[in-house]
Amino acid sequence: LVTVTIKFPASMIAAVDERSSDRFDYIRRAVAAAIFADACEM
C-alpha cells in the first residue's frame, strides 16, 4: 500500500460522511470504480 495525502473540499467530505461511516473505504471504492469505468471506456 502507498499513502497518498490529498485535500478535499469540506462539503465533499460532508457528503461522503453522509453516505458512509468509513470515509477512507468510501473514497478507495470511488477511485476504484472510476478507474474501472475508464478502463471499460478505453
PDB file of all heavy atoms in Angstrom:
ATOM      1  N   LEU A   1       0.835  -1.197   0.000  1.00  0.00           N
ATOM      2  CA  LEU A   1       0.000   0.000   0.000  1.00  0.00           C
ATOM      3  C   LEU A   1       0.870   1.247   0.000  1.00  0.00           C
ATOM      4  O   LEU A   1       1.978   1.251   0.539  1.00  0.00           O
ATOM      5  CB  LEU A   1      -0.905   0.006   1.224  1.00  0.00           C
ATOM      6  CG  LEU A   1      -1.865  -1.186   1.369  1.00  0.00           C
ATOM      7  CD1 LEU A   1      -2.696  -1.028   2.642  1.00  0.00           C
ATOM      8  CD2 LEU A   1      -2.758  -1.319   0.149  1.00  0.00           C
ATOM      9  N   VAL A   2       0.373   2.294  -0.611  1.00  0.00           N
ATOM     10  CA  VAL A   2       1.073   3.568  -0.693  1.00  0.00           C
ATOM     11  C   VAL A   2       0.186   4.643  -0.076  1.00  0.00           C
ATOM     12  O   VAL A   2      -1.002   4.739  -0.395  1.00  0.00           O
ATOM     13  CB  VAL A   2       1.406   3.946  -2.152  1.00  0.00           C
ATOM     14  CG1 VAL A   2       2.081   5.309  -2.209  1.00  0.00           C
ATOM     15  CG2 VAL A   2       2.289   2.876  -2.787  1.00  0.00           C
ATOM     16  N   THR A   3       0.741   5.435   0.807  1.00  0.00           N
ATOM     17  CA  THR A   3      -0.011   6.515   1.437  1.00  0.00           C
ATOM     18  C   THR A   3      -0.019   7.738   0.530  1.00  0.00           C
ATOM     19  O   THR A   3       1.023   8.183   0.045  1.00  0.00           O
ATOM     20  CB  THR A   3       0.604   6.891   2.793  1.00  0.00           C
ATOM     21  OG1 THR A   3       0.578   5.742   3.653  1.00  0.00           O
ATOM     22  CG2 THR A   3      -0.170   8.025   3.445  1.00  0.00           C
ATOM     23  N   VAL A   4      -1.215   8.269   0.274  1.00  0.00           N
ATOM     24  CA  VAL A   4      -1.375   9.453  -0.560  1.00  0.00           C
ATOM     25  C   VAL A   4      -2.126  10.505   0.238  1.00  0.00           C
ATOM     26  O   VAL A   4      -3.212  10.240   0.758  1.00  0.00           O
ATOM     27  CB  VAL A   4      -2.149   9.133  -1.857  1.00  0.00           C
ATOM     28  CG1 VAL A   4      -2.352  10.399  -2.672  1.00  0.00           C
ATOM     29  CG2 VAL A   4      -1.415   8.080  -2.670  1.00  0.00           C
ATOM     30  N   THR A   5      -1.542  11.672   0.351  1.00  0.00           N
ATOM     31  CA  THR A   5      -2.186  12.763   1.076  1.00  0.00           C
ATOM     32  C   THR A   5      -2.872  13.690   0.076  1.00  0.00           C
ATOM     33  O   THR A   5      -2.246  14.182  -0.863  1.00  0.00           O
ATOM     34  CB  THR A   5      -1.160  13.563   1.890  1.00  0.00           C
ATOM     35  OG1 THR A   5      -0.493  12.684   2.804  1.00  0.00           O
ATOM     36  CG2 THR A   5      -1.845  14.670   2.671  1.00  0.00           C
ATOM     37  N   ILE A   6      -4.162  13.893   0.255  1.00  0.00           N
ATOM     38  CA  ILE A   6      -4.919  14.726  -0.671  1.00  0.00           C
ATOM     39  C   ILE A   6      -5.985  15.486   0.100  1.00  0.00           C
ATOM     40  O   ILE A   6      -6.521  14.989   1.090  1.00  0.00           O
ATOM     41  CB  ILE A   6      -5.576  13.860  -1.778  1.00  0.00           C
ATOM     42  CG1 ILE A   6      -6.282  14.746  -2.803  1.00  0.00           C
ATOM     43  CG2 ILE A   6      -6.526  12.837  -1.186  1.00  0.00           C
ATOM     44  CD1 ILE A   6      -6.763  13.987  -4.008  1.00  0.00           C
ATOM     45  N   LYS A   7      -6.255  16.712  -0.323  1.00  0.00           N
ATOM     46  CA  LYS A   7      -7.247  17.546   0.354  1.00  0.00           C
ATOM     47  C   LYS A   7      -8.538  17.601  -0.473  1.00  0.00           C
ATOM     48  O   LYS A   7      -8.500  17.650  -1.698  1.00  0.00           O
ATOM     49  CB  LYS A   7      -6.703  18.956   0.565  1.00  0.00           C
ATOM     50  CG  LYS A   7      -5.528  19.020   1.544  1.00  0.00           C
ATOM     51  CD  LYS A   7      -5.082  20.457   1.776  1.00  0.00           C
ATOM     52  CE  LYS A   7      -3.946  20.511   2.790  1.00  0.00           C
ATOM     53  NZ  LYS A   7      -3.502  21.900   3.054  1.00  0.00           N
ATOM     54  N   PHE A   8      -9.665  17.570   0.231  1.00  0.00           N
ATOM     55  CA  PHE A   8     -10.975  17.656  -0.389  1.00  0.00           C
ATOM     56  C   PHE A   8     -11.711  18.878   0.162  1.00  0.00           C
ATOM     57  O   PHE A   8     -11.495  19.267   1.312  1.00  0.00           O
ATOM     58  CB  PHE A   8     -11.806  16.404  -0.083  1.00  0.00           C
ATOM     59  CG  PHE A   8     -11.339  15.168  -0.788  1.00  0.00           C
ATOM     60  CD1 PHE A   8     -10.428  14.313  -0.183  1.00  0.00           C
ATOM     61  CD2 PHE A   8     -11.823  14.843  -2.047  1.00  0.00           C
ATOM     62  CE1 PHE A   8     -10.002  13.167  -0.811  1.00  0.00           C
ATOM     63  CE2 PHE A   8     -11.399  13.695  -2.692  1.00  0.00           C
ATOM     64  CZ  PHE A   8     -10.490  12.853  -2.076  1.00  0.00           C
ATOM     65  N   PRO A   9     -12.622  19.448  -0.610  1.00  0.00           N
ATOM     66  CA  PRO A   9     -13.483  20.499  -0.054  1.00  0.00           C
ATOM     67  C   PRO A   9     -14.311  19.948   1.108  1.00  0.00           C
ATOM     68  O   PRO A   9     -14.707  18.775   1.093  1.00  0.00           O
ATOM     69  CB  PRO A   9     -14.375  20.885  -1.244  1.00  0.00           C
ATOM     70  CG  PRO A   9     -13.608  20.462  -2.452  1.00  0.00           C
ATOM     71  CD  PRO A   9     -12.852  19.238  -2.044  1.00  0.00           C
ATOM     72  N   ALA A  10     -14.567  20.774   2.088  1.00  0.00           N
ATOM     73  CA  ALA A  10     -15.304  20.335   3.271  1.00  0.00           C
ATOM     74  C   ALA A  10     -16.678  19.792   2.906  1.00  0.00           C
ATOM     75  O   ALA A  10     -17.150  18.808   3.488  1.00  0.00           O
ATOM     76  CB  ALA A  10     -15.431  21.496   4.262  1.00  0.00           C
ATOM     77  N   SER A  11     -17.327  20.421   1.927  1.00  0.00           N
ATOM     78  CA  SER A  11     -18.663  19.973   1.533  1.00  0.00           C
ATOM     79  C   SER A  11     -18.621  18.571   0.926  1.00  0.00           C
ATOM     80  O   SER A  11     -19.546  17.775   1.105  1.00  0.00           O
ATOM     81  CB  SER A  11     -19.274  20.947   0.521  1.00  0.00           C
ATOM     82  OG  SER A  11     -18.444  21.050  -0.636  1.00  0.00           O
ATOM     83  N   MET A  12     -17.544  18.249   0.218  1.00  0.00           N
ATOM     84  CA  MET A  12     -17.420  16.923  -0.384  1.00  0.00           C
ATOM     85  C   MET A  12     -17.234  15.860   0.697  1.00  0.00           C
ATOM     86  O   MET A  12     -17.839  14.783   0.632  1.00  0.00           O
ATOM     87  CB  MET A  12     -16.252  16.894  -1.371  1.00  0.00           C
ATOM     88  CG  MET A  12     -16.127  15.594  -2.150  1.00  0.00           C
ATOM     89  SD  MET A  12     -14.771  15.645  -3.362  1.00  0.00           S
ATOM     90  CE  MET A  12     -15.388  16.892  -4.501  1.00  0.00           C
ATOM     91  N   ILE A  13     -16.403  16.154   1.689  1.00  0.00           N
ATOM     92  CA  ILE A  13     -16.210  15.209   2.778  1.00  0.00           C
ATOM     93  C   ILE A  13     -17.503  15.035   3.583  1.00  0.00           C
ATOM     94  O   ILE A  13     -17.829  13.927   4.032  1.00  0.00           O
ATOM     95  CB  ILE A  13     -15.071  15.678   3.705  1.00  0.00           C
ATOM     96  CG1 ILE A  13     -13.740  15.625   2.940  1.00  0.00           C
ATOM     97  CG2 ILE A  13     -14.984  14.808   4.945  1.00  0.00           C
ATOM     98  CD1 ILE A  13     -13.370  14.253   2.432  1.00  0.00           C
ATOM     99  N   ALA A  14     -18.255  16.115   3.737  1.00  0.00           N
ATOM    100  CA  ALA A  14     -19.533  16.015   4.443  1.00  0.00           C
ATOM    101  C   ALA A  14     -20.483  15.088   3.690  1.00  0.00           C
ATOM    102  O   ALA A  14     -21.203  14.288   4.299  1.00  0.00           O
ATOM    103  CB  ALA A  14     -20.157  17.397   4.597  1.00  0.00           C
ATOM    104  N   ALA A  15     -20.459  15.185   2.350  1.00  0.00           N
ATOM    105  CA  ALA A  15     -21.302  14.309   1.541  1.00  0.00           C
ATOM    106  C   ALA A  15     -20.855  12.863   1.655  1.00  0.00           C
ATOM    107  O   ALA A  15     -21.684  11.943   1.692  1.00  0.00           O
ATOM    108  CB  ALA A  15     -21.262  14.763   0.083  1.00  0.00           C
ATOM    109  N   VAL A  16     -19.550  12.638   1.733  1.00  0.00           N
ATOM    110  CA  VAL A  16     -19.024  11.280   1.907  1.00  0.00           C
ATOM    111  C   VAL A  16     -19.468  10.717   3.248  1.00  0.00           C
ATOM    112  O   VAL A  16     -19.915   9.569   3.349  1.00  0.00           O
ATOM    113  CB  VAL A  16     -17.482  11.277   1.798  1.00  0.00           C
ATOM    114  CG1 VAL A  16     -16.923   9.928   2.237  1.00  0.00           C
ATOM    115  CG2 VAL A  16     -17.047  11.596   0.374  1.00  0.00           C
ATOM    116  N   ASP A  17     -19.359  11.533   4.295  1.00  0.00           N
ATOM    117  CA  ASP A  17     -19.731  11.074   5.634  1.00  0.00           C
ATOM    118  C   ASP A  17     -21.211  10.746   5.735  1.00  0.00           C
ATOM    119  O   ASP A  17     -21.615   9.900   6.536  1.00  0.00           O
ATOM    120  CB  ASP A  17     -19.345  12.122   6.673  1.00  0.00           C
ATOM    121  CG  ASP A  17     -17.835  12.257   6.831  1.00  0.00           C
ATOM    122  OD1 ASP A  17     -17.120  11.314   6.433  1.00  0.00           O
ATOM    123  OD2 ASP A  17     -17.379  13.303   7.329  1.00  0.00           O
ATOM    124  N   GLU A  18     -22.031  11.415   4.929  1.00  0.00           N
ATOM    125  CA  GLU A  18     -23.459  11.115   4.935  1.00  0.00           C
ATOM    126  C   GLU A  18     -23.752   9.748   4.330  1.00  0.00           C
ATOM    127  O   GLU A  18     -24.753   9.117   4.664  1.00  0.00           O
ATOM    128  CB  GLU A  18     -24.228  12.186   4.151  1.00  0.00           C
ATOM    129  CG  GLU A  18     -24.297  13.537   4.845  1.00  0.00           C
ATOM    130  CD  GLU A  18     -25.035  14.554   4.010  1.00  0.00           C
ATOM    131  OE1 GLU A  18     -25.468  14.199   2.887  1.00  0.00           O
ATOM    132  OE2 GLU A  18     -25.184  15.706   4.461  1.00  0.00           O
ATOM    133  N   ARG A  19     -22.863   9.303   3.450  1.00  0.00           N
ATOM    134  CA  ARG A  19     -23.090   8.059   2.713  1.00  0.00           C
ATOM    135  C   ARG A  19     -22.370   6.862   3.325  1.00  0.00           C
ATOM    136  O   ARG A  19     -22.687   5.721   2.997  1.00  0.00           O
ATOM    137  CB  ARG A  19     -22.661   8.234   1.259  1.00  0.00           C
ATOM    138  CG  ARG A  19     -23.555   9.187   0.482  1.00  0.00           C
ATOM    139  CD  ARG A  19     -22.900   9.660  -0.805  1.00  0.00           C
ATOM    140  NE  ARG A  19     -23.815  10.436  -1.628  1.00  0.00           N
ATOM    141  CZ  ARG A  19     -24.130  11.695  -1.404  1.00  0.00           C
ATOM    142  NH1 ARG A  19     -23.613  12.336  -0.355  1.00  0.00           N
ATOM    143  NH2 ARG A  19     -24.963  12.335  -2.192  1.00  0.00           N
ATOM    144  N   SER A  20     -21.381   7.117   4.166  1.00  0.00           N
ATOM    145  CA  SER A  20     -20.606   6.000   4.710  1.00  0.00           C
ATOM    146  C   SER A  20     -20.019   6.374   6.054  1.00  0.00           C
ATOM    147  O   SER A  20     -19.656   7.533   6.292  1.00  0.00           O
ATOM    148  CB  SER A  20     -19.487   5.617   3.738  1.00  0.00           C
ATOM    149  OG  SER A  20     -18.641   4.632   4.291  1.00  0.00           O
ATOM    150  N   SER A  21     -19.925   5.381   6.910  1.00  0.00           N
ATOM    151  CA  SER A  21     -19.297   5.594   8.215  1.00  0.00           C
ATOM    152  C   SER A  21     -17.778   5.481   8.128  1.00  0.00           C
ATOM    153  O   SER A  21     -17.075   5.821   9.073  1.00  0.00           O
ATOM    154  CB  SER A  21     -19.832   4.573   9.227  1.00  0.00           C
ATOM    155  OG  SER A  21     -19.559   3.247   8.773  1.00  0.00           O
ATOM    156  N   ASP A  22     -17.280   4.999   6.999  1.00  0.00           N
ATOM    157  CA  ASP A  22     -15.839   4.850   6.782  1.00  0.00           C
ATOM    158  C   ASP A  22     -15.458   5.647   5.535  1.00  0.00           C
ATOM    159  O   ASP A  22     -15.547   5.173   4.414  1.00  0.00           O
ATOM    160  CB  ASP A  22     -15.477   3.368   6.595  1.00  0.00           C
ATOM    161  CG  ASP A  22     -13.973   3.136   6.543  1.00  0.00           C
ATOM    162  OD1 ASP A  22     -13.226   4.090   6.261  1.00  0.00           O
ATOM    163  OD2 ASP A  22     -13.542   1.988   6.758  1.00  0.00           O
ATOM    164  N   ARG A  23     -15.057   6.898   5.738  1.00  0.00           N
ATOM    165  CA  ARG A  23     -14.778   7.767   4.601  1.00  0.00           C
ATOM    166  C   ARG A  23     -13.612   7.275   3.759  1.00  0.00           C
ATOM    167  O   ARG A  23     -13.613   7.428   2.535  1.00  0.00           O
ATOM    168  CB  ARG A  23     -14.512   9.196   5.057  1.00  0.00           C
ATOM    169  CG  ARG A  23     -13.285   9.355   5.926  1.00  0.00           C
ATOM    170  CD  ARG A  23     -12.953  10.809   6.203  1.00  0.00           C
ATOM    171  NE  ARG A  23     -14.031  11.529   6.866  1.00  0.00           N
ATOM    172  CZ  ARG A  23     -13.856  12.707   7.477  1.00  0.00           C
ATOM    173  NH1 ARG A  23     -12.639  13.267   7.502  1.00  0.00           N
ATOM    174  NH2 ARG A  23     -14.867  13.310   8.054  1.00  0.00           N
ATOM    175  N   PHE A  24     -12.622   6.641   4.404  1.00  0.00           N
ATOM    176  CA  PHE A  24     -11.456   6.182   3.651  1.00  0.00           C
ATOM    177  C   PHE A  24     -11.823   5.020   2.728  1.00  0.00           C
ATOM    178  O   PHE A  24     -11.388   4.957   1.579  1.00  0.00           O
ATOM    179  CB  PHE A  24     -10.342   5.785   4.615  1.00  0.00           C
ATOM    180  CG  PHE A  24      -9.938   6.890   5.544  1.00  0.00           C
ATOM    181  CD1 PHE A  24     -10.297   6.858   6.883  1.00  0.00           C
ATOM    182  CD2 PHE A  24      -9.239   7.984   5.063  1.00  0.00           C
ATOM    183  CE1 PHE A  24      -9.950   7.895   7.732  1.00  0.00           C
ATOM    184  CE2 PHE A  24      -8.876   9.022   5.915  1.00  0.00           C
ATOM    185  CZ  PHE A  24      -9.238   8.976   7.255  1.00  0.00           C
ATOM    186  N   ASP A  25     -12.633   4.101   3.229  1.00  0.00           N
ATOM    187  CA  ASP A  25     -13.090   2.992   2.395  1.00  0.00           C
ATOM    188  C   ASP A  25     -13.963   3.497   1.264  1.00  0.00           C
ATOM    189  O   ASP A  25     -13.871   3.014   0.133  1.00  0.00           O
ATOM    190  CB  ASP A  25     -13.866   1.984   3.243  1.00  0.00           C
ATOM    191  CG  ASP A  25     -14.399   0.831   2.413  1.00  0.00           C
ATOM    192  OD1 ASP A  25     -13.573   0.040   1.905  1.00  0.00           O
ATOM    193  OD2 ASP A  25     -15.632   0.727   2.258  1.00  0.00           O
ATOM    194  N   TYR A  26     -14.798   4.474   1.538  1.00  0.00           N
ATOM    195  CA  TYR A  26     -15.678   5.037   0.513  1.00  0.00           C
ATOM    196  C   TYR A  26     -14.856   5.677  -0.608  1.00  0.00           C
ATOM    197  O   TYR A  26     -15.132   5.474  -1.792  1.00  0.00           O
ATOM    198  CB  TYR A  26     -16.609   6.077   1.132  1.00  0.00           C
ATOM    199  CG  TYR A  26     -17.637   6.641   0.192  1.00  0.00           C
ATOM    200  CD1 TYR A  26     -18.899   6.056   0.083  1.00  0.00           C
ATOM    201  CD2 TYR A  26     -17.356   7.748  -0.597  1.00  0.00           C
ATOM    202  CE1 TYR A  26     -19.854   6.573  -0.782  1.00  0.00           C
ATOM    203  CE2 TYR A  26     -18.297   8.268  -1.471  1.00  0.00           C
ATOM    204  CZ  TYR A  26     -19.547   7.678  -1.558  1.00  0.00           C
ATOM    205  OH  TYR A  26     -20.479   8.193  -2.434  1.00  0.00           O
ATOM    206  N   ILE A  27     -13.844   6.440  -0.241  1.00  0.00           N
ATOM    207  CA  ILE A  27     -13.006   7.106  -1.247  1.00  0.00           C
ATOM    208  C   ILE A  27     -12.225   6.086  -2.064  1.00  0.00           C
ATOM    209  O   ILE A  27     -12.090   6.208  -3.278  1.00  0.00           O
ATOM    210  CB  ILE A  27     -12.056   8.111  -0.564  1.00  0.00           C
ATOM    211  CG1 ILE A  27     -12.864   9.264   0.034  1.00  0.00           C
ATOM    212  CG2 ILE A  27     -11.030   8.648  -1.564  1.00  0.00           C
ATOM    213  CD1 ILE A  27     -12.048  10.210   0.900  1.00  0.00           C
ATOM    214  N   ARG A  28     -11.697   5.036  -1.390  1.00  0.00           N
ATOM    215  CA  ARG A  28     -10.980   3.992  -2.121  1.00  0.00           C
ATOM    216  C   ARG A  28     -11.889   3.325  -3.149  1.00  0.00           C
ATOM    217  O   ARG A  28     -11.491   3.089  -4.292  1.00  0.00           O
ATOM    218  CB  ARG A  28     -10.422   2.953  -1.142  1.00  0.00           C
ATOM    219  CG  ARG A  28      -9.112   3.334  -0.486  1.00  0.00           C
ATOM    220  CD  ARG A  28      -8.494   2.141   0.213  1.00  0.00           C
ATOM    221  NE  ARG A  28      -9.320   1.697   1.333  1.00  0.00           N
ATOM    222  CZ  ARG A  28      -9.166   2.104   2.577  1.00  0.00           C
ATOM    223  NH1 ARG A  28      -8.224   2.972   2.886  1.00  0.00           N
ATOM    224  NH2 ARG A  28      -9.949   1.632   3.542  1.00  0.00           N
ATOM    225  N   ARG A  29     -13.120   3.009  -2.731  1.00  0.00           N
ATOM    226  CA  ARG A  29     -14.046   2.350  -3.649  1.00  0.00           C
ATOM    227  C   ARG A  29     -14.446   3.273  -4.787  1.00  0.00           C
ATOM    228  O   ARG A  29     -14.635   2.835  -5.924  1.00  0.00           O
ATOM    229  CB  ARG A  29     -15.280   1.867  -2.889  1.00  0.00           C
ATOM    230  CG  ARG A  29     -14.995   0.665  -1.983  1.00  0.00           C
ATOM    231  CD  ARG A  29     -16.245   0.052  -1.389  1.00  0.00           C
ATOM    232  NE  ARG A  29     -16.850   0.911  -0.378  1.00  0.00           N
ATOM    233  CZ  ARG A  29     -17.980   1.585  -0.544  1.00  0.00           C
ATOM    234  NH1 ARG A  29     -18.626   1.518  -1.689  1.00  0.00           N
ATOM    235  NH2 ARG A  29     -18.467   2.335   0.434  1.00  0.00           N
ATOM    236  N   ALA A  30     -14.564   4.571  -4.499  1.00  0.00           N
ATOM    237  CA  ALA A  30     -14.904   5.530  -5.547  1.00  0.00           C
ATOM    238  C   ALA A  30     -13.791   5.637  -6.584  1.00  0.00           C
ATOM    239  O   ALA A  30     -14.048   5.685  -7.794  1.00  0.00           O
ATOM    240  CB  ALA A  30     -15.185   6.903  -4.929  1.00  0.00           C
ATOM    241  N   VAL A  31     -12.544   5.660  -6.122  1.00  0.00           N
ATOM    242  CA  VAL A  31     -11.401   5.711  -7.050  1.00  0.00           C
ATOM    243  C   VAL A  31     -11.339   4.438  -7.888  1.00  0.00           C
ATOM    244  O   VAL A  31     -11.113   4.476  -9.097  1.00  0.00           O
ATOM    245  CB  VAL A  31     -10.087   5.920  -6.267  1.00  0.00           C
ATOM    246  CG1 VAL A  31      -8.882   5.764  -7.188  1.00  0.00           C
ATOM    247  CG2 VAL A  31     -10.081   7.293  -5.606  1.00  0.00           C
ATOM    248  N   ALA A  32     -11.529   3.271  -7.243  1.00  0.00           N
ATOM    249  CA  ALA A  32     -11.504   2.003  -7.967  1.00  0.00           C
ATOM    250  C   ALA A  32     -12.594   1.956  -9.028  1.00  0.00           C
ATOM    251  O   ALA A  32     -12.372   1.485 -10.149  1.00  0.00           O
ATOM    252  CB  ALA A  32     -11.664   0.841  -6.988  1.00  0.00           C
ATOM    253  N   ALA A  33     -13.780   2.470  -8.685  1.00  0.00           N
ATOM    254  CA  ALA A  33     -14.891   2.483  -9.648  1.00  0.00           C
ATOM    255  C   ALA A  33     -14.578   3.392 -10.832  1.00  0.00           C
ATOM    256  O   ALA A  33     -14.896   3.069 -11.985  1.00  0.00           O
ATOM    257  CB  ALA A  33     -16.177   2.936  -8.964  1.00  0.00           C
ATOM    258  N   ALA A  34     -13.932   4.529 -10.557  1.00  0.00           N
ATOM    259  CA  ALA A  34     -13.590   5.462 -11.633  1.00  0.00           C
ATOM    260  C   ALA A  34     -12.544   4.854 -12.573  1.00  0.00           C
ATOM    261  O   ALA A  34     -12.627   4.978 -13.793  1.00  0.00           O
ATOM    262  CB  ALA A  34     -13.072   6.774 -11.044  1.00  0.00           C
ATOM    263  N   ILE A  35     -11.544   4.182 -11.995  1.00  0.00           N
ATOM    264  CA  ILE A  35     -10.516   3.533 -12.817  1.00  0.00           C
ATOM    265  C   ILE A  35     -11.130   2.430 -13.664  1.00  0.00           C
ATOM    266  O   ILE A  35     -10.816   2.282 -14.849  1.00  0.00           O
ATOM    267  CB  ILE A  35      -9.399   2.966 -11.918  1.00  0.00           C
ATOM    268  CG1 ILE A  35      -8.638   4.112 -11.246  1.00  0.00           C
ATOM    269  CG2 ILE A  35      -8.444   2.094 -12.722  1.00  0.00           C
ATOM    270  CD1 ILE A  35      -7.601   3.642 -10.242  1.00  0.00           C
ATOM    271  N   PHE A  36     -12.033   1.665 -13.060  1.00  0.00           N
ATOM    272  CA  PHE A  36     -12.697   0.592 -13.798  1.00  0.00           C
ATOM    273  C   PHE A  36     -13.540   1.150 -14.940  1.00  0.00           C
ATOM    274  O   PHE A  36     -13.532   0.617 -16.057  1.00  0.00           O
ATOM    275  CB  PHE A  36     -13.575  -0.213 -12.842  1.00  0.00           C
ATOM    276  CG  PHE A  36     -14.285  -1.362 -13.484  1.00  0.00           C
ATOM    277  CD1 PHE A  36     -13.587  -2.489 -13.887  1.00  0.00           C
ATOM    278  CD2 PHE A  36     -15.656  -1.321 -13.696  1.00  0.00           C
ATOM    279  CE1 PHE A  36     -14.242  -3.553 -14.486  1.00  0.00           C
ATOM    280  CE2 PHE A  36     -16.310  -2.370 -14.285  1.00  0.00           C
ATOM    281  CZ  PHE A  36     -15.603  -3.501 -14.685  1.00  0.00           C
ATOM    282  N   ALA A  37     -14.257   2.250 -14.684  1.00  0.00           N
ATOM    283  CA  ALA A  37     -15.072   2.870 -15.730  1.00  0.00           C
ATOM    284  C   ALA A  37     -14.201   3.387 -16.870  1.00  0.00           C
ATOM    285  O   ALA A  37     -14.545   3.237 -18.050  1.00  0.00           O
ATOM    286  CB  ALA A  37     -15.902   4.008 -15.134  1.00  0.00           C
ATOM    287  N   ASP A  38     -13.054   3.981 -16.526  1.00  0.00           N
ATOM    288  CA  ASP A  38     -12.130   4.467 -17.564  1.00  0.00           C
ATOM    289  C   ASP A  38     -11.612   3.306 -18.413  1.00  0.00           C
ATOM    290  O   ASP A  38     -11.489   3.426 -19.636  1.00  0.00           O
ATOM    291  CB  ASP A  38     -10.951   5.204 -16.920  1.00  0.00           C
ATOM    292  CG  ASP A  38     -11.334   6.582 -16.419  1.00  0.00           C
ATOM    293  OD1 ASP A  38     -12.399   7.076 -16.815  1.00  0.00           O
ATOM    294  OD2 ASP A  38     -10.568   7.152 -15.626  1.00  0.00           O
ATOM    295  N   ALA A  39     -11.289   2.192 -17.765  1.00  0.00           N
ATOM    296  CA  ALA A  39     -10.785   1.030 -18.496  1.00  0.00           C
ATOM    297  C   ALA A  39     -11.841   0.494 -19.462  1.00  0.00           C
ATOM    298  O   ALA A  39     -11.531   0.143 -20.610  1.00  0.00           O
ATOM    299  CB  ALA A  39     -10.362  -0.069 -17.518  1.00  0.00           C
ATOM    300  N   CYS A  40     -13.093   0.455 -19.017  1.00  0.00           N
ATOM    301  CA  CYS A  40     -14.177  -0.011 -19.892  1.00  0.00           C
ATOM    302  C   CYS A  40     -14.363   0.934 -21.077  1.00  0.00           C
ATOM    303  O   CYS A  40     -14.573   0.491 -22.216  1.00  0.00           O
ATOM    304  CB  CYS A  40     -15.473  -0.127 -19.100  1.00  0.00           C
ATOM    305  SG  CYS A  40     -15.473  -1.431 -17.844  1.00  0.00           S
ATOM    306  N   GLU A  41     -14.280   2.228 -20.815  1.00  0.00           N
ATOM    307  CA  GLU A  41     -14.435   3.215 -21.884  1.00  0.00           C
ATOM    308  C   GLU A  41     -13.298   3.105 -22.898  1.00  0.00           C
ATOM    309  O   GLU A  41     -13.521   3.183 -24.116  1.00  0.00           O
ATOM    310  CB  GLU A  41     -14.482   4.617 -21.285  1.00  0.00           C
ATOM    311  CG  GLU A  41     -14.751   5.714 -22.319  1.00  0.00           C
ATOM    312  CD  GLU A  41     -14.885   7.090 -21.693  1.00  0.00           C
ATOM    313  OE1 GLU A  41     -15.000   7.169 -20.449  1.00  0.00           O
ATOM    314  OE2 GLU A  41     -14.871   8.081 -22.436  1.00  0.00           O
ATOM    315  N   MET A  42     -12.078   2.903 -22.408  1.00  0.00           N
ATOM    316  CA  MET A  42     -10.934   2.752 -23.309  1.00  0.00           C
ATOM    317  C   MET A  42     -11.073   1.497 -24.163  1.00  0.00           C
ATOM    318  O   MET A  42     -10.755   1.505 -25.359  1.00  0.00           O
ATOM    319  CB  MET A  42      -9.638   2.704 -22.498  1.00  0.00           C
ATOM    320  CG  MET A  42      -9.271   4.010 -21.837  1.00  0.00           C
ATOM    321  SD  MET A  42      -7.855   3.849 -20.702  1.00  0.00           S
ATOM    322  CE  MET A  42      -6.582   3.300 -21.843  1.00  0.00           C
TER     323      MET A  42
END
